[in-house]
Amino acid sequence: NAAYNPTLPPLQGALNLLSLNGYDYPDIQRAILAEKADAPLIQWDATAATLKALGCSTIDRVLLA
């Protein structure tokens, strides 16, 4: 919960919203991660691995300047 861990990875937030709106993980058809190219923390590896484990095979990455 946010009281003990105030930071959520972007994917965790998106998956929470998905569930709260009545969707299931198999409903994910495509995902796009946008992140800064020079960001000190990169989410790509964890995001791609998690989405693949959930059955999403179309995952794209957009690098922002």
PDB file of N, CA and C in Angstrom:
ATOM      1  N   ASN A   1       0.824  -1.168   0.000  1.00  0.00           N
ATOM      2  CA  ASN A   1       0.000   0.000   0.000  1.00  0.00           C
ATOM      3  C   ASN A   1       0.873   1.238   0.000  1.00  0.00           C
ATOM      4  N   ALA A   2       0.320   2.329  -0.415  1.00  0.00           N
ATOM      5  CA  ALA A   2       1.090   3.561  -0.605  1.00  0.00           C
ATOM      6  C   ALA A   2       1.661   4.113   0.693  1.00  0.00           C
ATOM      7  N   ALA A   3       1.097   3.756   1.823  1.00  0.00           N
ATOM      8  CA  ALA A   3       1.635   4.247   3.092  1.00  0.00           C
ATOM      9  C   ALA A   3       3.011   3.661   3.371  1.00  0.00           C
ATOM     10  N   TYR A   4       3.253   2.458   2.909  1.00  0.00           N
ATOM     11  CA  TYR A   4       4.537   1.813   3.137  1.00  0.00           C
ATOM     12  C   TYR A   4       5.462   1.914   1.938  1.00  0.00           C
ATOM     13  N   ASN A   5       4.915   2.054   0.763  1.00  0.00           N
ATOM     14  CA  ASN A   5       5.710   2.156  -0.460  1.00  0.00           C
ATOM     15  C   ASN A   5       5.065   3.224  -1.338  1.00  0.00           C
ATOM     16  N   PRO A   6       5.506   4.464  -1.202  1.00  0.00           N
ATOM     17  CA  PRO A   6       4.842   5.562  -1.921  1.00  0.00           C
ATOM     18  C   PRO A   6       5.114   5.592  -3.424  1.00  0.00           C
ATOM     19  N   THR A   7       5.980   4.734  -3.921  1.00  0.00           N
ATOM     20  CA  THR A   7       6.273   4.744  -5.351  1.00  0.00           C
ATOM     21  C   THR A   7       5.794   3.446  -5.984  1.00  0.00           C
ATOM     22  N   LEU A   8       5.106   3.572  -7.090  1.00  0.00           N
ATOM     23  CA  LEU A   8       4.664   2.415  -7.857  1.00  0.00           C
ATOM     24  C   LEU A   8       5.291   2.484  -9.235  1.00  0.00           C
ATOM     25  N   PRO A   9       5.793   1.362  -9.753  1.00  0.00           N
ATOM     26  CA  PRO A   9       6.246   1.371 -11.140  1.00  0.00           C
ATOM     27  C   PRO A   9       5.067   1.699 -12.054  1.00  0.00           C
ATOM     28  N   PRO A  10       5.321   2.316 -13.191  1.00  0.00           N
ATOM     29  CA  PRO A  10       4.229   2.685 -14.104  1.00  0.00           C
ATOM     30  C   PRO A  10       3.332   1.504 -14.489  1.00  0.00           C
ATOM     31  N   LEU A  11       3.937   0.358 -14.726  1.00  0.00           N
ATOM     32  CA  LEU A  11       3.129  -0.798 -15.123  1.00  0.00           C
ATOM     33  C   LEU A  11       2.193  -1.228 -14.002  1.00  0.00           C
ATOM     34  N   GLN A  12       2.657  -1.197 -12.773  1.00  0.00           N
ATOM     35  CA  GLN A  12       1.799  -1.587 -11.653  1.00  0.00           C
ATOM     36  C   GLN A  12       0.593  -0.660 -11.547  1.00  0.00           C
ATOM     37  N   GLY A  13       0.815   0.616 -11.739  1.00  0.00           N
ATOM     38  CA  GLY A  13      -0.299   1.562 -11.731  1.00  0.00           C
ATOM     39  C   GLY A  13      -1.282   1.280 -12.853  1.00  0.00           C
ATOM     40  N   ALA A  14      -0.759   0.987 -14.041  1.00  0.00           N
ATOM     41  CA  ALA A  14      -1.626   0.689 -15.190  1.00  0.00           C
ATOM     42  C   ALA A  14      -2.411  -0.603 -14.966  1.00  0.00           C
ATOM     43  N   LEU A  15      -1.760  -1.621 -14.421  1.00  0.00           N
ATOM     44  CA  LEU A  15      -2.450  -2.886 -14.160  1.00  0.00           C
ATOM     45  C   LEU A  15      -3.528  -2.714 -13.090  1.00  0.00           C
ATOM     46  N   ASN A  16      -3.259  -1.890 -12.096  1.00  0.00           N
ATOM     47  CA  ASN A  16      -4.270  -1.611 -11.073  1.00  0.00           C
ATOM     48  C   ASN A  16      -5.497  -0.949 -11.695  1.00  0.00           C
ATOM     49  N   LEU A  17      -5.282   0.054 -12.546  1.00  0.00           N
ATOM     50  CA  LEU A  17      -6.405   0.729 -13.210  1.00  0.00           C
ATOM     51  C   LEU A  17      -7.178  -0.233 -14.109  1.00  0.00           C
ATOM     52  N   LEU A  18      -6.456  -1.104 -14.786  1.00  0.00           N
ATOM     53  CA  LEU A  18      -7.087  -2.105 -15.647  1.00  0.00           C
ATOM     54  C   LEU A  18      -8.053  -2.962 -14.824  1.00  0.00           C
ATOM     55  N   SER A  19      -7.557  -3.478 -13.709  1.00  0.00           N
ATOM     56  CA  SER A  19      -8.381  -4.335 -12.849  1.00  0.00           C
ATOM     57  C   SER A  19      -9.552  -3.575 -12.235  1.00  0.00           C
ATOM     58  N   LEU A  20      -9.294  -2.359 -11.786  1.00  0.00           N
ATOM     59  CA  LEU A  20     -10.353  -1.561 -11.162  1.00  0.00           C
ATOM     60  C   LEU A  20     -11.481  -1.224 -12.134  1.00  0.00           C
ATOM     61  N   ASN A  21     -11.181  -1.266 -13.433  1.00  0.00           N
ATOM     62  CA  ASN A  21     -12.194  -0.964 -14.444  1.00  0.00           C
ATOM     63  C   ASN A  21     -12.809  -2.221 -15.058  1.00  0.00           C
ATOM     64  N   GLY A  22     -12.586  -3.365 -14.419  1.00  0.00           N
ATOM     65  CA  GLY A  22     -13.258  -4.588 -14.830  1.00  0.00           C
ATOM     66  C   GLY A  22     -12.586  -5.394 -15.919  1.00  0.00           C
ATOM     67  N   TYR A  23     -11.358  -5.083 -16.249  1.00  0.00           N
ATOM     68  CA  TYR A  23     -10.642  -5.836 -17.281  1.00  0.00           C
ATOM     69  C   TYR A  23      -9.718  -6.861 -16.637  1.00  0.00           C
ATOM     70  N   ASP A  24      -9.352  -7.867 -17.417  1.00  0.00           N
ATOM     71  CA  ASP A  24      -8.411  -8.891 -16.972  1.00  0.00           C
ATOM     72  C   ASP A  24      -7.112  -8.749 -17.749  1.00  0.00           C
ATOM     73  N   TYR A  25      -6.046  -9.280 -17.195  1.00  0.00           N
ATOM     74  CA  TYR A  25      -4.742  -9.165 -17.856  1.00  0.00           C
ATOM     75  C   TYR A  25      -4.731  -9.740 -19.273  1.00  0.00           C
ATOM     76  N   PRO A  26      -5.440 -10.842 -19.548  1.00  0.00           N
ATOM     77  CA  PRO A  26      -5.470 -11.345 -20.928  1.00  0.00           C
ATOM     78  C   PRO A  26      -6.109 -10.372 -21.925  1.00  0.00           C
ATOM     79  N   ASP A  27      -6.815  -9.351 -21.431  1.00  0.00           N
ATOM     80  CA  ASP A  27      -7.408  -8.345 -22.317  1.00  0.00           C
ATOM     81  C   ASP A  27      -6.360  -7.410 -22.919  1.00  0.00           C
ATOM     82  N   ILE A  28      -5.156  -7.416 -22.383  1.00  0.00           N
ATOM     83  CA  ILE A  28      -4.102  -6.527 -22.891  1.00  0.00           C
ATOM     84  C   ILE A  28      -3.661  -7.028 -24.262  1.00  0.00           C
ATOM     85  N   GLN A  29      -3.833  -6.198 -25.280  1.00  0.00           N
ATOM     86  CA  GLN A  29      -3.453  -6.574 -26.638  1.00  0.00           C
ATOM     87  C   GLN A  29      -2.145  -5.928 -27.063  1.00  0.00           C
ATOM     88  N   ARG A  30      -1.877  -4.739 -26.546  1.00  0.00           N
ATOM     89  CA  ARG A  30      -0.672  -4.009 -26.945  1.00  0.00           C
ATOM     90  C   ARG A  30      -0.296  -3.059 -25.820  1.00  0.00           C
ATOM     91  N   ALA A  31       0.993  -2.874 -25.642  1.00  0.00           N
ATOM     92  CA  ALA A  31       1.467  -1.937 -24.624  1.00  0.00           C
ATOM     93  C   ALA A  31       2.587  -1.089 -25.207  1.00  0.00           C
ATOM     94  N   ILE A  32       2.626   0.157 -24.785  1.00  0.00           N
ATOM     95  CA  ILE A  32       3.689   1.074 -25.199  1.00  0.00           C
ATOM     96  C   ILE A  32       4.252   1.729 -23.943  1.00  0.00           C
ATOM     97  N   LEU A  33       5.555   1.635 -23.790  1.00  0.00           N
ATOM     98  CA  LEU A  33       6.233   2.298 -22.678  1.00  0.00           C
ATOM     99  C   LEU A  33       6.983   3.496 -23.230  1.00  0.00           C
ATOM    100  N   ALA A  34       6.713   4.665 -22.696  1.00  0.00           N
ATOM    101  CA  ALA A  34       7.431   5.885 -23.080  1.00  0.00           C
ATOM    102  C   ALA A  34       8.300   6.298 -21.904  1.00  0.00           C
ATOM    103  N   GLU A  35       9.588   6.455 -22.166  1.00  0.00           N
ATOM    104  CA  GLU A  35      10.494   6.888 -21.112  1.00  0.00           C
ATOM    105  C   GLU A  35      11.628   7.705 -21.705  1.00  0.00           C
ATOM    106  N   LYS A  36      12.235   8.532 -20.871  1.00  0.00           N
ATOM    107  CA  LYS A  36      13.330   9.373 -21.328  1.00  0.00           C
ATOM    108  C   LYS A  36      14.537   8.503 -21.654  1.00  0.00           C
ATOM    109  N   ALA A  37      15.199   8.828 -22.748  1.00  0.00           N
ATOM    110  CA  ALA A  37      16.354   8.051 -23.183  1.00  0.00           C
ATOM    111  C   ALA A  37      17.483   8.084 -22.159  1.00  0.00           C
ATOM    112  N   ASP A  38      17.635   9.187 -21.466  1.00  0.00           N
ATOM    113  CA  ASP A  38      18.736   9.324 -20.506  1.00  0.00           C
ATOM    114  C   ASP A  38      18.262   9.240 -19.052  1.00  0.00           C
ATOM    115  N   ALA A  39      17.146   8.589 -18.827  1.00  0.00           N
ATOM    116  CA  ALA A  39      16.604   8.477 -17.471  1.00  0.00           C
ATOM    117  C   ALA A  39      17.539   7.638 -16.598  1.00  0.00           C
ATOM    118  N   PRO A  40      17.717   8.027 -15.348  1.00  0.00           N
ATOM    119  CA  PRO A  40      18.591   7.257 -14.462  1.00  0.00           C
ATOM    120  C   PRO A  40      18.006   5.894 -14.089  1.00  0.00           C
ATOM    121  N   LEU A  41      16.696   5.757 -14.195  1.00  0.00           N
ATOM    122  CA  LEU A  41      16.036   4.489 -13.904  1.00  0.00           C
ATOM    123  C   LEU A  41      15.219   4.090 -15.123  1.00  0.00           C
ATOM    124  N   ILE A  42      15.510   2.930 -15.673  1.00  0.00           N
ATOM    125  CA  ILE A  42      14.840   2.440 -16.880  1.00  0.00           C
ATOM    126  C   ILE A  42      13.837   1.351 -16.486  1.00  0.00           C
ATOM    127  N   GLN A  43      12.617   1.460 -16.990  1.00  0.00           N
ATOM    128  CA  GLN A  43      11.546   0.514 -16.670  1.00  0.00           C
ATOM    129  C   GLN A  43      11.382  -0.599 -17.713  1.00  0.00           C
ATOM    130  N   TRP A  44      12.074  -0.488 -18.845  1.00  0.00           N
ATOM    131  CA  TRP A  44      11.824  -1.363 -19.987  1.00  0.00           C
ATOM    132  C   TRP A  44      11.941  -2.848 -19.664  1.00  0.00           C
ATOM    133  N   ASP A  45      13.043  -3.285 -19.081  1.00  0.00           N
ATOM    134  CA  ASP A  45      13.249  -4.722 -18.858  1.00  0.00           C
ATOM    135  C   ASP A  45      12.152  -5.331 -17.987  1.00  0.00           C
ATOM    136  N   ALA A  46      11.862  -4.687 -16.871  1.00  0.00           N
ATOM    137  CA  ALA A  46      10.834  -5.208 -15.962  1.00  0.00           C
ATOM    138  C   ALA A  46       9.451  -5.154 -16.601  1.00  0.00           C
ATOM    139  N   THR A  47       9.168  -4.076 -17.314  1.00  0.00           N
ATOM    140  CA  THR A  47       7.864  -3.921 -17.962  1.00  0.00           C
ATOM    141  C   THR A  47       7.658  -4.981 -19.034  1.00  0.00           C
ATOM    142  N   ALA A  48       8.645  -5.156 -19.902  1.00  0.00           N
ATOM    143  CA  ALA A  48       8.533  -6.141 -20.982  1.00  0.00           C
ATOM    144  C   ALA A  48       8.406  -7.556 -20.428  1.00  0.00           C
ATOM    145  N   ALA A  49       9.207  -7.895 -19.430  1.00  0.00           N
ATOM    146  CA  ALA A  49       9.155  -9.239 -18.854  1.00  0.00           C
ATOM    147  C   ALA A  49       7.800  -9.516 -18.208  1.00  0.00           C
ATOM    148  N   THR A  50       7.287  -8.556 -17.482  1.00  0.00           N
ATOM    149  CA  THR A  50       5.993  -8.739 -16.819  1.00  0.00           C
ATOM    150  C   THR A  50       4.869  -8.881 -17.835  1.00  0.00           C
ATOM    151  N   LEU A  51       4.858  -8.013 -18.837  1.00  0.00           N
ATOM    152  CA  LEU A  51       3.801  -8.086 -19.849  1.00  0.00           C
ATOM    153  C   LEU A  51       3.861  -9.393 -20.633  1.00  0.00           C
ATOM    154  N   LYS A  52       5.058  -9.856 -20.958  1.00  0.00           N
ATOM    155  CA  LYS A  52       5.186 -11.142 -21.656  1.00  0.00           C
ATOM    156  C   LYS A  52       4.657 -12.276 -20.793  1.00  0.00           C
ATOM    157  N   ALA A  53       4.953 -12.226 -19.491  1.00  0.00           N
ATOM    158  CA  ALA A  53       4.452 -13.256 -18.575  1.00  0.00           C
ATOM    159  C   ALA A  53       2.928 -13.231 -18.486  1.00  0.00           C
ATOM    160  N   LEU A  54       2.341 -12.061 -18.694  1.00  0.00           N
ATOM    161  CA  LEU A  54       0.880 -11.922 -18.663  1.00  0.00           C
ATOM    162  C   LEU A  54       0.235 -12.251 -20.005  1.00  0.00           C
ATOM    163  N   GLY A  55       1.055 -12.539 -21.026  1.00  0.00           N
ATOM    164  CA  GLY A  55       0.518 -12.936 -22.322  1.00  0.00           C
ATOM    165  C   GLY A  55       0.484 -11.864 -23.381  1.00  0.00           C
ATOM    166  N   CYS A  56       1.003 -10.691 -23.086  1.00  0.00           N
ATOM    167  CA  CYS A  56       1.033  -9.610 -24.077  1.00  0.00           C
ATOM    168  C   CYS A  56       2.311  -9.737 -24.898  1.00  0.00           C
ATOM    169  N   SER A  57       2.173  -9.911 -26.194  1.00  0.00           N
ATOM    170  CA  SER A  57       3.352 -10.092 -27.041  1.00  0.00           C
ATOM    171  C   SER A  57       3.683  -8.867 -27.886  1.00  0.00           C
ATOM    172  N   THR A  58       2.815  -7.886 -27.922  1.00  0.00           N
ATOM    173  CA  THR A  58       3.072  -6.670 -28.691  1.00  0.00           C
ATOM    174  C   THR A  58       3.405  -5.546 -27.713  1.00  0.00           C
ATOM    175  N   ILE A  59       4.703  -5.339 -27.530  1.00  0.00           N
ATOM    176  CA  ILE A  59       5.186  -4.352 -26.568  1.00  0.00           C
ATOM    177  C   ILE A  59       6.175  -3.444 -27.284  1.00  0.00           C
ATOM    178  N   ASP A  60       5.908  -2.160 -27.263  1.00  0.00           N
ATOM    179  CA  ASP A  60       6.782  -1.194 -27.921  1.00  0.00           C
ATOM    180  C   ASP A  60       7.350  -0.226 -26.897  1.00  0.00           C
ATOM    181  N   ARG A  61       8.470   0.372 -27.273  1.00  0.00           N
ATOM    182  CA  ARG A  61       9.137   1.349 -26.412  1.00  0.00           C
ATOM    183  C   ARG A  61       9.380   2.617 -27.210  1.00  0.00           C
ATOM    184  N   VAL A  62       9.035   3.751 -26.624  1.00  0.00           N
ATOM    185  CA  VAL A  62       9.280   5.055 -27.226  1.00  0.00           C
ATOM    186  C   VAL A  62      10.255   5.790 -26.320  1.00  0.00           C
ATOM    187  N   LEU A  63      11.381   6.209 -26.890  1.00  0.00           N
ATOM    188  CA  LEU A  63      12.362   6.968 -26.120  1.00  0.00           C
ATOM    189  C   LEU A  63      12.147   8.450 -26.357  1.00  0.00           C
ATOM    190  N   LEU A  64      11.985   9.180 -25.284  1.00  0.00           N
ATOM    191  CA  LEU A  64      11.751  10.619 -25.347  1.00  0.00           C
ATOM    192  C   LEU A  64      13.059  11.366 -25.155  1.00  0.00           C
ATOM    193  N   ALA A  65      13.157  12.505 -25.813  1.00  0.00           N
ATOM    194  CA  ALA A  65      14.379  13.305 -25.685  1.00  0.00           C
ATOM    195  C   ALA A  65      14.424  14.013 -24.355  1.00  0.00           C
TER     196      ALA A  65
END
